[in-house]
């Protein structure tokens, strides 16, 4: 099976850290489980990046954006693109947040 290299952008890393910090302030045990599970889910993209749907926002970008949904209930959305053998994690946001717009890419 082909292996892809997963690269987490500074923006996505900051998104994950901010979410973890907020969750930690509410429930430290859950926050740690969430962070570990998020890491496992993201690293799972090494083998099956095409298994996840194209994000609804993809049509507004110049590149195809896919989303990995993580978590119970209203899931977190992990936005990524695939280029060659690399999966780039671009942004992470909660499913209750508004759609991600191109001017917010970074």
PDB file of N, CA and C in Angstrom:
ATOM      1  N   UNK A   1       0.846  -1.174   0.000  1.00  0.00           N
ATOM      2  CA  UNK A   1       0.000   0.000   0.000  1.00  0.00           C
ATOM      3  C   UNK A   1       0.895   1.242   0.000  1.00  0.00           C
ATOM      4  N   UNK A   2       0.530   2.210  -0.803  1.00  0.00           N
ATOM      5  CA  UNK A   2       1.306   3.448  -0.896  1.00  0.00           C
ATOM      6  C   UNK A   2       1.260   4.217   0.423  1.00  0.00           C
ATOM      7  N   UNK A   3       2.395   4.798   0.783  1.00  0.00           N
ATOM      8  CA  UNK A   3       2.494   5.628   1.984  1.00  0.00           C
ATOM      9  C   UNK A   3       2.620   7.090   1.581  1.00  0.00           C
ATOM     10  N   UNK A   4       1.887   7.941   2.239  1.00  0.00           N
ATOM     11  CA  UNK A   4       1.943   9.380   2.019  1.00  0.00           C
ATOM     12  C   UNK A   4       2.628  10.024   3.220  1.00  0.00           C
ATOM     13  N   UNK A   5       3.300  11.119   2.961  1.00  0.00           N
ATOM     14  CA  UNK A   5       3.936  11.884   4.033  1.00  0.00           C
ATOM     15  C   UNK A   5       2.928  12.919   4.514  1.00  0.00           C
ATOM     16  N   UNK A   6       2.659  12.952   5.803  1.00  0.00           N
ATOM     17  CA  UNK A   6       1.713  13.902   6.388  1.00  0.00           C
ATOM     18  C   UNK A   6       2.495  15.083   6.958  1.00  0.00           C
ATOM     19  N   UNK A   7       2.143  16.287   6.497  1.00  0.00           N
ATOM     20  CA  UNK A   7       2.777  17.518   6.966  1.00  0.00           C
ATOM     21  C   UNK A   7       1.685  18.402   7.559  1.00  0.00           C
ATOM     22  N   UNK A   8       1.874  18.802   8.798  1.00  0.00           N
ATOM     23  CA  UNK A   8       0.895  19.655   9.484  1.00  0.00           C
ATOM     24  C   UNK A   8       1.371  21.097   9.397  1.00  0.00           C
ATOM     25  N   UNK A   9       0.565  21.952   8.789  1.00  0.00           N
ATOM     26  CA  UNK A   9       0.930  23.365   8.645  1.00  0.00           C
ATOM     27  C   UNK A   9       0.965  24.040  10.016  1.00  0.00           C
ATOM     28  N   UNK A  10       1.694  25.144  10.128  1.00  0.00           N
ATOM     29  CA  UNK A  10       1.682  25.892  11.390  1.00  0.00           C
ATOM     30  C   UNK A  10       0.267  26.307  11.805  1.00  0.00           C
ATOM     31  N   UNK A  11      -0.576  26.684  10.839  1.00  0.00           N
ATOM     32  CA  UNK A  11      -1.963  27.075  11.128  1.00  0.00           C
ATOM     33  C   UNK A  11      -2.729  25.911  11.752  1.00  0.00           C
ATOM     34  N   UNK A  12      -2.623  24.731  11.131  1.00  0.00           N
ATOM     35  CA  UNK A  12      -3.340  23.565  11.650  1.00  0.00           C
ATOM     36  C   UNK A  12      -2.813  23.162  13.022  1.00  0.00           C
ATOM     37  N   UNK A  13      -1.500  23.234  13.211  1.00  0.00           N
ATOM     38  CA  UNK A  13      -0.919  22.914  14.523  1.00  0.00           C
ATOM     39  C   UNK A  13      -1.447  23.875  15.587  1.00  0.00           C
ATOM     40  N   UNK A  14      -1.547  25.152  15.234  1.00  0.00           N
ATOM     41  CA  UNK A  14      -2.088  26.151  16.170  1.00  0.00           C
ATOM     42  C   UNK A  14      -3.564  25.883  16.450  1.00  0.00           C
ATOM     43  N   UNK A  15      -4.313  25.468  15.427  1.00  0.00           N
ATOM     44  CA  UNK A  15      -5.731  25.134  15.614  1.00  0.00           C
ATOM     45  C   UNK A  15      -5.890  23.986  16.610  1.00  0.00           C
ATOM     46  N   UNK A  16      -5.071  22.950  16.442  1.00  0.00           N
ATOM     47  CA  UNK A  16      -5.143  21.783  17.323  1.00  0.00           C
ATOM     48  C   UNK A  16      -4.761  22.175  18.749  1.00  0.00           C
ATOM     49  N   UNK A  17      -3.712  22.964  18.879  1.00  0.00           N
ATOM     50  CA  UNK A  17      -3.275  23.409  20.206  1.00  0.00           C
ATOM     51  C   UNK A  17      -4.351  24.243  20.891  1.00  0.00           C
ATOM     52  N   UNK A  18      -4.971  25.157  20.150  1.00  0.00           N
ATOM     53  CA  UNK A  18      -6.024  26.004  20.726  1.00  0.00           C
ATOM     54  C   UNK A  18      -7.219  25.154  21.169  1.00  0.00           C
ATOM     55  N   UNK A  19      -7.603  24.180  20.344  1.00  0.00           N
ATOM     56  CA  UNK A  19      -8.723  23.309  20.705  1.00  0.00           C
ATOM     57  C   UNK A  19      -8.377  22.489  21.946  1.00  0.00           C
ATOM     58  N   UNK A  20      -7.171  21.945  21.968  1.00  0.00           N
ATOM     59  CA  UNK A  20      -6.732  21.163  23.125  1.00  0.00           C
ATOM     60  C   UNK A  20      -6.738  22.018  24.394  1.00  0.00           C
ATOM     61  N   UNK A  21      -6.193  23.219  24.294  1.00  0.00           N
ATOM     62  CA  UNK A  21      -6.141  24.102  25.467  1.00  0.00           C
ATOM     63  C   UNK A  21      -7.539  24.391  26.009  1.00  0.00           C
ATOM     64  N   UNK A  22      -8.483  24.649  25.104  1.00  0.00           N
ATOM     65  CA  UNK A  22      -9.852  24.915  25.541  1.00  0.00           C
ATOM     66  C   UNK A  22     -10.459  23.666  26.186  1.00  0.00           C
ATOM     67  N   UNK A  23     -10.303  22.519  25.512  1.00  0.00           N
ATOM     68  CA  UNK A  23     -10.840  21.281  26.067  1.00  0.00           C
ATOM     69  C   UNK A  23     -10.202  20.959  27.417  1.00  0.00           C
ATOM     70  N   UNK A  24      -8.907  21.217  27.532  1.00  0.00           N
ATOM     71  CA  UNK A  24      -8.193  20.947  28.779  1.00  0.00           C
ATOM     72  C   UNK A  24      -8.749  21.785  29.930  1.00  0.00           C
ATOM     73  N   UNK A  25      -9.116  23.011  29.632  1.00  0.00           N
ATOM     74  CA  UNK A  25      -9.671  23.874  30.680  1.00  0.00           C
ATOM     75  C   UNK A  25     -11.021  23.358  31.175  1.00  0.00           C
ATOM     76  N   UNK A  26     -11.714  22.604  30.332  1.00  0.00           N
ATOM     77  CA  UNK A  26     -13.020  22.048  30.689  1.00  0.00           C
ATOM     78  C   UNK A  26     -12.904  20.651  31.300  1.00  0.00           C
ATOM     79  N   UNK A  27     -11.995  19.828  30.719  1.00  0.00           N
ATOM     80  CA  UNK A  27     -11.882  18.431  31.136  1.00  0.00           C
ATOM     81  C   UNK A  27     -10.519  17.894  30.703  1.00  0.00           C
ATOM     82  N   UNK A  28      -9.516  17.939  31.574  1.00  0.00           N
ATOM     83  CA  UNK A  28      -8.160  17.526  31.207  1.00  0.00           C
ATOM     84  C   UNK A  28      -8.046  16.090  30.691  1.00  0.00           C
ATOM     85  N   UNK A  29      -8.785  15.171  31.285  1.00  0.00           N
ATOM     86  CA  UNK A  29      -8.703  13.774  30.850  1.00  0.00           C
ATOM     87  C   UNK A  29      -9.231  13.634  29.427  1.00  0.00           C
ATOM     88  N   UNK A  30     -10.400  14.223  29.161  1.00  0.00           N
ATOM     89  CA  UNK A  30     -10.963  14.166  27.812  1.00  0.00           C
ATOM     90  C   UNK A  30     -10.044  14.861  26.814  1.00  0.00           C
ATOM     91  N   UNK A  31      -9.472  15.986  27.196  1.00  0.00           N
ATOM     92  CA  UNK A  31      -8.596  16.736  26.288  1.00  0.00           C
ATOM     93  C   UNK A  31      -7.419  15.886  25.838  1.00  0.00           C
ATOM     94  N   UNK A  32      -6.841  15.144  26.745  1.00  0.00           N
ATOM     95  CA  UNK A  32      -5.705  14.293  26.392  1.00  0.00           C
ATOM     96  C   UNK A  32      -6.135  13.175  25.452  1.00  0.00           C
ATOM     97  N   UNK A  33      -7.289  12.552  25.727  1.00  0.00           N
ATOM     98  CA  UNK A  33      -7.820  11.525  24.818  1.00  0.00           C
ATOM     99  C   UNK A  33      -8.100  12.122  23.444  1.00  0.00           C
ATOM    100  N   UNK A  34      -8.682  13.319  23.426  1.00  0.00           N
ATOM    101  CA  UNK A  34      -9.009  13.991  22.166  1.00  0.00           C
ATOM    102  C   UNK A  34      -7.743  14.248  21.353  1.00  0.00           C
ATOM    103  N   UNK A  35      -6.719  14.802  22.005  1.00  0.00           N
ATOM    104  CA  UNK A  35      -5.465  15.117  21.308  1.00  0.00           C
ATOM    105  C   UNK A  35      -4.813  13.850  20.756  1.00  0.00           C
ATOM    106  N   UNK A  36      -4.757  12.797  21.557  1.00  0.00           N
ATOM    107  CA  UNK A  36      -4.144  11.549  21.102  1.00  0.00           C
ATOM    108  C   UNK A  36      -4.933  10.945  19.947  1.00  0.00           C
ATOM    109  N   UNK A  37      -6.266  10.986  20.051  1.00  0.00           N
ATOM    110  CA  UNK A  37      -7.104  10.476  18.974  1.00  0.00           C
ATOM    111  C   UNK A  37      -6.977  11.296  17.706  1.00  0.00           C
ATOM    112  N   UNK A  38      -6.882  12.620  17.860  1.00  0.00           N
ATOM    113  CA  UNK A  38      -6.696  13.496  16.701  1.00  0.00           C
ATOM    114  C   UNK A  38      -5.386  13.155  15.995  1.00  0.00           C
ATOM    115  N   UNK A  39      -4.334  12.963  16.772  1.00  0.00           N
ATOM    116  CA  UNK A  39      -3.040  12.615  16.183  1.00  0.00           C
ATOM    117  C   UNK A  39      -3.137  11.294  15.423  1.00  0.00           C
ATOM    118  N   UNK A  40      -3.786  10.301  16.000  1.00  0.00           N
ATOM    119  CA  UNK A  40      -3.946   9.015  15.328  1.00  0.00           C
ATOM    120  C   UNK A  40      -4.750   9.163  14.040  1.00  0.00           C
ATOM    121  N   UNK A  41      -5.821   9.945  14.085  1.00  0.00           N
ATOM    122  CA  UNK A  41      -6.661  10.145  12.900  1.00  0.00           C
ATOM    123  C   UNK A  41      -5.881  10.830  11.787  1.00  0.00           C
ATOM    124  N   UNK A  42      -5.137  11.867  12.140  1.00  0.00           N
ATOM    125  CA  UNK A  42      -4.349  12.598  11.141  1.00  0.00           C
ATOM    126  C   UNK A  42      -3.271  11.692  10.550  1.00  0.00           C
ATOM    127  N   UNK A  43      -2.594  10.932  11.395  1.00  0.00           N
ATOM    128  CA  UNK A  43      -1.540  10.057  10.889  1.00  0.00           C
ATOM    129  C   UNK A  43      -2.109   8.906  10.062  1.00  0.00           C
ATOM    130  N   UNK A  44      -3.382   8.583  10.254  1.00  0.00           N
ATOM    131  CA  UNK A  44      -4.039   7.585   9.422  1.00  0.00           C
ATOM    132  C   UNK A  44      -4.110   7.998   7.961  1.00  0.00           C
ATOM    133  N   UNK A  45      -3.952   9.285   7.706  1.00  0.00           N
ATOM    134  CA  UNK A  45      -3.956   9.775   6.324  1.00  0.00           C
ATOM    135  C   UNK A  45      -2.714   9.327   5.563  1.00  0.00           C
ATOM    136  N   UNK A  46      -1.731   8.763   6.254  1.00  0.00           N
ATOM    137  CA  UNK A  46      -0.544   8.238   5.583  1.00  0.00           C
ATOM    138  C   UNK A  46      -0.903   7.132   4.603  1.00  0.00           C
ATOM    139  N   UNK A  47      -1.956   6.398   4.896  1.00  0.00           N
ATOM    140  CA  UNK A  47      -2.299   5.262   4.044  1.00  0.00           C
ATOM    141  C   UNK A  47      -3.592   5.434   3.256  1.00  0.00           C
ATOM    142  N   UNK A  48      -4.535   6.198   3.754  1.00  0.00           N
ATOM    143  CA  UNK A  48      -5.834   6.298   3.072  1.00  0.00           C
ATOM    144  C   UNK A  48      -6.334   7.734   2.935  1.00  0.00           C
ATOM    145  N   UNK A  49      -5.565   8.622   2.338  1.00  0.00           N
ATOM    146  CA  UNK A  49      -6.025  10.011   2.272  1.00  0.00           C
ATOM    147  C   UNK A  49      -7.232  10.226   1.363  1.00  0.00           C
ATOM    148  N   UNK A  50      -7.441   9.331   0.402  1.00  0.00           N
ATOM    149  CA  UNK A  50      -8.570   9.504  -0.514  1.00  0.00           C
ATOM    150  C   UNK A  50      -9.863   8.903   0.045  1.00  0.00           C
ATOM    151  N   UNK A  51      -9.799   8.323   1.248  1.00  0.00           N
ATOM    152  CA  UNK A  51     -10.976   7.698   1.856  1.00  0.00           C
ATOM    153  C   UNK A  51     -11.974   8.721   2.390  1.00  0.00           C
ATOM    154  N   UNK A  52     -11.548   9.960   2.511  1.00  0.00           N
ATOM    155  CA  UNK A  52     -12.406  10.998   3.092  1.00  0.00           C
ATOM    156  C   UNK A  52     -12.953  11.911   1.993  1.00  0.00           C
ATOM    157  N   UNK A  53     -14.102  12.476   2.269  1.00  0.00           N
ATOM    158  CA  UNK A  53     -14.829  13.269   1.275  1.00  0.00           C
ATOM    159  C   UNK A  53     -14.144  14.595   0.952  1.00  0.00           C
ATOM    160  N   UNK A  54     -14.472  15.087  -0.220  1.00  0.00           N
ATOM    161  CA  UNK A  54     -14.077  16.444  -0.591  1.00  0.00           C
ATOM    162  C   UNK A  54     -14.925  17.396   0.252  1.00  0.00           C
ATOM    163  N   UNK A  55     -14.287  18.386   0.840  1.00  0.00           N
ATOM    164  CA  UNK A  55     -14.985  19.348   1.701  1.00  0.00           C
ATOM    165  C   UNK A  55     -15.933  20.212   0.873  1.00  0.00           C
ATOM    166  N   UNK A  56     -17.092  20.569   1.410  1.00  0.00           N
ATOM    167  CA  UNK A  56     -18.010  21.447   0.685  1.00  0.00           C
ATOM    168  C   UNK A  56     -17.345  22.753   0.250  1.00  0.00           C
ATOM    169  N   UNK A  57     -16.399  23.235   1.050  1.00  0.00           N
ATOM    170  CA  UNK A  57     -15.699  24.486   0.735  1.00  0.00           C
ATOM    171  C   UNK A  57     -14.735  24.355  -0.436  1.00  0.00           C
ATOM    172  N   UNK A  58     -14.429  23.143  -0.855  1.00  0.00           N
ATOM    173  CA  UNK A  58     -13.396  22.920  -1.865  1.00  0.00           C
ATOM    174  C   UNK A  58     -13.621  23.730  -3.138  1.00  0.00           C
ATOM    175  N   UNK A  59     -14.869  23.898  -3.526  1.00  0.00           N
ATOM    176  CA  UNK A  59     -15.182  24.626  -4.765  1.00  0.00           C
ATOM    177  C   UNK A  59     -14.732  26.081  -4.721  1.00  0.00           C
ATOM    178  N   UNK A  60     -14.524  26.633  -3.531  1.00  0.00           N
ATOM    179  CA  UNK A  60     -14.111  28.034  -3.420  1.00  0.00           C
ATOM    180  C   UNK A  60     -12.591  28.202  -3.381  1.00  0.00           C
ATOM    181  N   UNK A  61     -11.863  27.096  -3.411  1.00  0.00           N
ATOM    182  CA  UNK A  61     -10.400  27.131  -3.387  1.00  0.00           C
ATOM    183  C   UNK A  61      -9.842  26.772  -4.761  1.00  0.00           C
ATOM    184  N   UNK A  62      -8.578  27.074  -4.965  1.00  0.00           N
ATOM    185  CA  UNK A  62      -7.905  26.735  -6.222  1.00  0.00           C
ATOM    186  C   UNK A  62      -7.371  25.310  -6.216  1.00  0.00           C
ATOM    187  N   UNK A  63      -7.453  24.641  -5.088  1.00  0.00           N
ATOM    188  CA  UNK A  63      -6.996  23.264  -4.962  1.00  0.00           C
ATOM    189  C   UNK A  63      -8.113  22.434  -4.348  1.00  0.00           C
ATOM    190  N   UNK A  64      -8.038  21.112  -4.562  1.00  0.00           N
ATOM    191  CA  UNK A  64      -9.038  20.233  -3.960  1.00  0.00           C
ATOM    192  C   UNK A  64      -8.753  20.103  -2.464  1.00  0.00           C
ATOM    193  N   UNK A  65      -9.755  20.404  -1.665  1.00  0.00           N
ATOM    194  CA  UNK A  65      -9.649  20.314  -0.211  1.00  0.00           C
ATOM    195  C   UNK A  65     -10.533  19.161   0.254  1.00  0.00           C
ATOM    196  N   UNK A  66      -9.949  18.259   1.004  1.00  0.00           N
ATOM    197  CA  UNK A  66     -10.693  17.147   1.589  1.00  0.00           C
ATOM    198  C   UNK A  66     -10.857  17.388   3.082  1.00  0.00           C
ATOM    199  N   UNK A  67     -11.767  16.651   3.688  1.00  0.00           N
ATOM    200  CA  UNK A  67     -11.973  16.795   5.127  1.00  0.00           C
ATOM    201  C   UNK A  67     -12.045  15.431   5.792  1.00  0.00           C
ATOM    202  N   UNK A  68     -11.364  15.331   6.890  1.00  0.00           N
ATOM    203  CA  UNK A  68     -11.453  14.185   7.777  1.00  0.00           C
ATOM    204  C   UNK A  68     -12.329  14.641   8.940  1.00  0.00           C
ATOM    205  N   UNK A  69     -13.346  13.876   9.254  1.00  0.00           N
ATOM    206  CA  UNK A  69     -14.218  14.209  10.382  1.00  0.00           C
ATOM    207  C   UNK A  69     -13.755  13.411  11.588  1.00  0.00           C
ATOM    208  N   UNK A  70     -13.541  14.101  12.701  1.00  0.00           N
ATOM    209  CA  UNK A  70     -13.018  13.450  13.895  1.00  0.00           C
ATOM    210  C   UNK A  70     -13.867  13.796  15.118  1.00  0.00           C
ATOM    211  N   UNK A  71     -14.257  12.767  15.838  1.00  0.00           N
ATOM    212  CA  UNK A  71     -14.951  12.965  17.107  1.00  0.00           C
ATOM    213  C   UNK A  71     -16.427  12.631  17.031  1.00  0.00           C
ATOM    214  N   UNK A  72     -17.035  12.434  18.203  1.00  0.00           N
ATOM    215  CA  UNK A  72     -18.459  12.096  18.264  1.00  0.00           C
ATOM    216  C   UNK A  72     -19.340  13.333  18.119  1.00  0.00           C
ATOM    217  N   UNK A  73     -20.608  13.089  17.900  1.00  0.00           N
ATOM    218  CA  UNK A  73     -21.557  14.214  17.804  1.00  0.00           C
ATOM    219  C   UNK A  73     -21.230  15.095  16.621  1.00  0.00           C
ATOM    220  N   UNK A  74     -21.112  16.375  16.877  1.00  0.00           N
ATOM    221  CA  UNK A  74     -20.682  17.304  15.832  1.00  0.00           C
ATOM    222  C   UNK A  74     -19.163  17.220  15.780  1.00  0.00           C
ATOM    223  N   UNK A  75     -18.622  16.609  14.731  1.00  0.00           N
ATOM    224  CA  UNK A  75     -17.187  16.337  14.719  1.00  0.00           C
ATOM    225  C   UNK A  75     -16.330  17.549  14.360  1.00  0.00           C
ATOM    226  N   UNK A  76     -15.066  17.409  14.687  1.00  0.00           N
ATOM    227  CA  UNK A  76     -14.063  18.368  14.240  1.00  0.00           C
ATOM    228  C   UNK A  76     -13.766  18.072  12.781  1.00  0.00           C
ATOM    229  N   UNK A  77     -13.459  19.091  12.025  1.00  0.00           N
ATOM    230  CA  UNK A  77     -13.166  18.947  10.595  1.00  0.00           C
ATOM    231  C   UNK A  77     -11.691  19.248  10.368  1.00  0.00           C
ATOM    232  N   UNK A  78     -10.989  18.284   9.830  1.00  0.00           N
ATOM    233  CA  UNK A  78      -9.570  18.424   9.513  1.00  0.00           C
ATOM    234  C   UNK A  78      -9.482  18.600   8.001  1.00  0.00           C
ATOM    235  N   UNK A  79      -9.074  19.783   7.564  1.00  0.00           N
ATOM    236  CA  UNK A  79      -8.981  20.095   6.140  1.00  0.00           C
ATOM    237  C   UNK A  79      -7.575  19.789   5.644  1.00  0.00           C
ATOM    238  N   UNK A  80      -7.503  19.125   4.492  1.00  0.00           N
ATOM    239  CA  UNK A  80      -6.194  18.779   3.948  1.00  0.00           C
ATOM    240  C   UNK A  80      -6.248  18.700   2.427  1.00  0.00           C
ATOM    241  N   UNK A  81      -5.060  18.744   1.825  1.00  0.00           N
ATOM    242  CA  UNK A  81      -4.950  18.545   0.388  1.00  0.00           C
ATOM    243  C   UNK A  81      -3.876  17.489   0.137  1.00  0.00           C
ATOM    244  N   UNK A  82      -3.962  16.877  -1.022  1.00  0.00           N
ATOM    245  CA  UNK A  82      -3.024  15.831  -1.412  1.00  0.00           C
ATOM    246  C   UNK A  82      -2.297  16.310  -2.660  1.00  0.00           C
ATOM    247  N   UNK A  83      -0.985  16.300  -2.595  1.00  0.00           N
ATOM    248  CA  UNK A  83      -0.171  16.690  -3.743  1.00  0.00           C
ATOM    249  C   UNK A  83       0.977  15.697  -3.847  1.00  0.00           C
ATOM    250  N   UNK A  84       0.944  14.892  -4.909  1.00  0.00           N
ATOM    251  CA  UNK A  84       1.963  13.858  -5.045  1.00  0.00           C
ATOM    252  C   UNK A  84       1.855  12.864  -3.906  1.00  0.00           C
ATOM    253  N   UNK A  85       2.962  12.669  -3.201  1.00  0.00           N
ATOM    254  CA  UNK A  85       2.957  11.724  -2.084  1.00  0.00           C
ATOM    255  C   UNK A  85       2.864  12.427  -0.730  1.00  0.00           C
ATOM    256  N   UNK A  86       2.386  13.670  -0.747  1.00  0.00           N
ATOM    257  CA  UNK A  86       2.292  14.447   0.498  1.00  0.00           C
ATOM    258  C   UNK A  86       0.850  14.835   0.801  1.00  0.00           C
ATOM    259  N   UNK A  87       0.471  14.661   2.047  1.00  0.00           N
ATOM    260  CA  UNK A  87      -0.815  15.125   2.559  1.00  0.00           C
ATOM    261  C   UNK A  87      -0.514  16.320   3.450  1.00  0.00           C
ATOM    262  N   UNK A  88      -1.052  17.473   3.092  1.00  0.00           N
ATOM    263  CA  UNK A  88      -0.824  18.695   3.866  1.00  0.00           C
ATOM    264  C   UNK A  88      -2.069  19.022   4.676  1.00  0.00           C
ATOM    265  N   UNK A  89      -1.915  19.021   5.993  1.00  0.00           N
ATOM    266  CA  UNK A  89      -3.009  19.396   6.883  1.00  0.00           C
ATOM    267  C   UNK A  89      -3.021  20.918   6.937  1.00  0.00           C
ATOM    268  N   UNK A  90      -4.128  21.516   6.510  1.00  0.00           N
ATOM    269  CA  UNK A  90      -4.201  22.964   6.343  1.00  0.00           C
ATOM    270  C   UNK A  90      -4.878  23.687   7.504  1.00  0.00           C
ATOM    271  N   UNK A  91      -5.912  23.068   8.057  1.00  0.00           N
ATOM    272  CA  UNK A  91      -6.732  23.784   9.038  1.00  0.00           C
ATOM    273  C   UNK A  91      -7.595  22.777   9.787  1.00  0.00           C
ATOM    274  N   UNK A  92      -7.900  23.082  11.037  1.00  0.00           N
ATOM    275  CA  UNK A  92      -8.793  22.255  11.849  1.00  0.00           C
ATOM    276  C   UNK A  92      -9.804  23.187  12.505  1.00  0.00           C
ATOM    277  N   UNK A  93     -11.079  22.819  12.415  1.00  0.00           N
ATOM    278  CA  UNK A  93     -12.118  23.626  13.068  1.00  0.00           C
ATOM    279  C   UNK A  93     -13.272  22.728  13.482  1.00  0.00           C
ATOM    280  N   UNK A  94     -14.029  23.202  14.450  1.00  0.00           N
ATOM    281  CA  UNK A  94     -15.172  22.439  14.936  1.00  0.00           C
ATOM    282  C   UNK A  94     -16.292  22.490  13.904  1.00  0.00           C
ATOM    283  N   UNK A  95     -17.061  21.430  13.835  1.00  0.00           N
ATOM    284  CA  UNK A  95     -18.145  21.333  12.876  1.00  0.00           C
ATOM    285  C   UNK A  95     -19.234  22.381  13.026  1.00  0.00           C
ATOM    286  N   UNK A  96     -19.326  23.021  14.178  1.00  0.00           N
ATOM    287  CA  UNK A  96     -20.342  24.068  14.370  1.00  0.00           C
ATOM    288  C   UNK A  96     -19.884  25.432  13.874  1.00  0.00           C
ATOM    289  N   UNK A  97     -18.617  25.541  13.511  1.00  0.00           N
ATOM    290  CA  UNK A  97     -18.126  26.819  12.992  1.00  0.00           C
ATOM    291  C   UNK A  97     -18.572  27.006  11.545  1.00  0.00           C
ATOM    292  N   UNK A  98     -18.586  28.263  11.103  1.00  0.00           N
ATOM    293  CA  UNK A  98     -18.950  28.571   9.723  1.00  0.00           C
ATOM    294  C   UNK A  98     -17.998  27.897   8.751  1.00  0.00           C
ATOM    295  N   UNK A  99     -18.412  27.876   7.479  1.00  0.00           N
ATOM    296  CA  UNK A  99     -17.542  27.326   6.443  1.00  0.00           C
ATOM    297  C   UNK A  99     -16.219  28.063   6.407  1.00  0.00           C
ATOM    298  N   UNK A 100     -15.211  27.347   5.985  1.00  0.00           N
ATOM    299  CA  UNK A 100     -13.862  27.892   5.855  1.00  0.00           C
ATOM    300  C   UNK A 100     -13.753  28.600   4.511  1.00  0.00           C
ATOM    301  N   UNK A 101     -13.305  29.839   4.500  1.00  0.00           N
ATOM    302  CA  UNK A 101     -13.220  30.634   3.274  1.00  0.00           C
ATOM    303  C   UNK A 101     -11.777  30.779   2.813  1.00  0.00           C
ATOM    304  N   UNK A 102     -11.545  30.921   1.506  1.00  0.00           N
ATOM    305  CA  UNK A 102     -10.177  31.003   0.976  1.00  0.00           C
ATOM    306  C   UNK A 102      -9.305  32.070   1.629  1.00  0.00           C
ATOM    307  N   UNK A 103      -9.854  33.212   1.981  1.00  0.00           N
ATOM    308  CA  UNK A 103      -9.013  34.260   2.572  1.00  0.00           C
ATOM    309  C   UNK A 103      -8.498  33.869   3.953  1.00  0.00           C
ATOM    310  N   UNK A 104      -9.034  32.769   4.506  1.00  0.00           N
ATOM    311  CA  UNK A 104      -8.566  32.334   5.816  1.00  0.00           C
ATOM    312  C   UNK A 104      -7.526  31.221   5.704  1.00  0.00           C
ATOM    313  N   UNK A 105      -7.123  30.853   4.489  1.00  0.00           N
ATOM    314  CA  UNK A 105      -6.106  29.818   4.315  1.00  0.00           C
ATOM    315  C   UNK A 105      -4.761  30.386   4.727  1.00  0.00           C
ATOM    316  N   UNK A 106      -3.955  29.581   5.315  1.00  0.00           N
ATOM    317  CA  UNK A 106      -2.653  30.067   5.726  1.00  0.00           C
ATOM    318  C   UNK A 106      -2.005  29.060   6.525  1.00  0.00           C
TER     319      UNK A 106
END
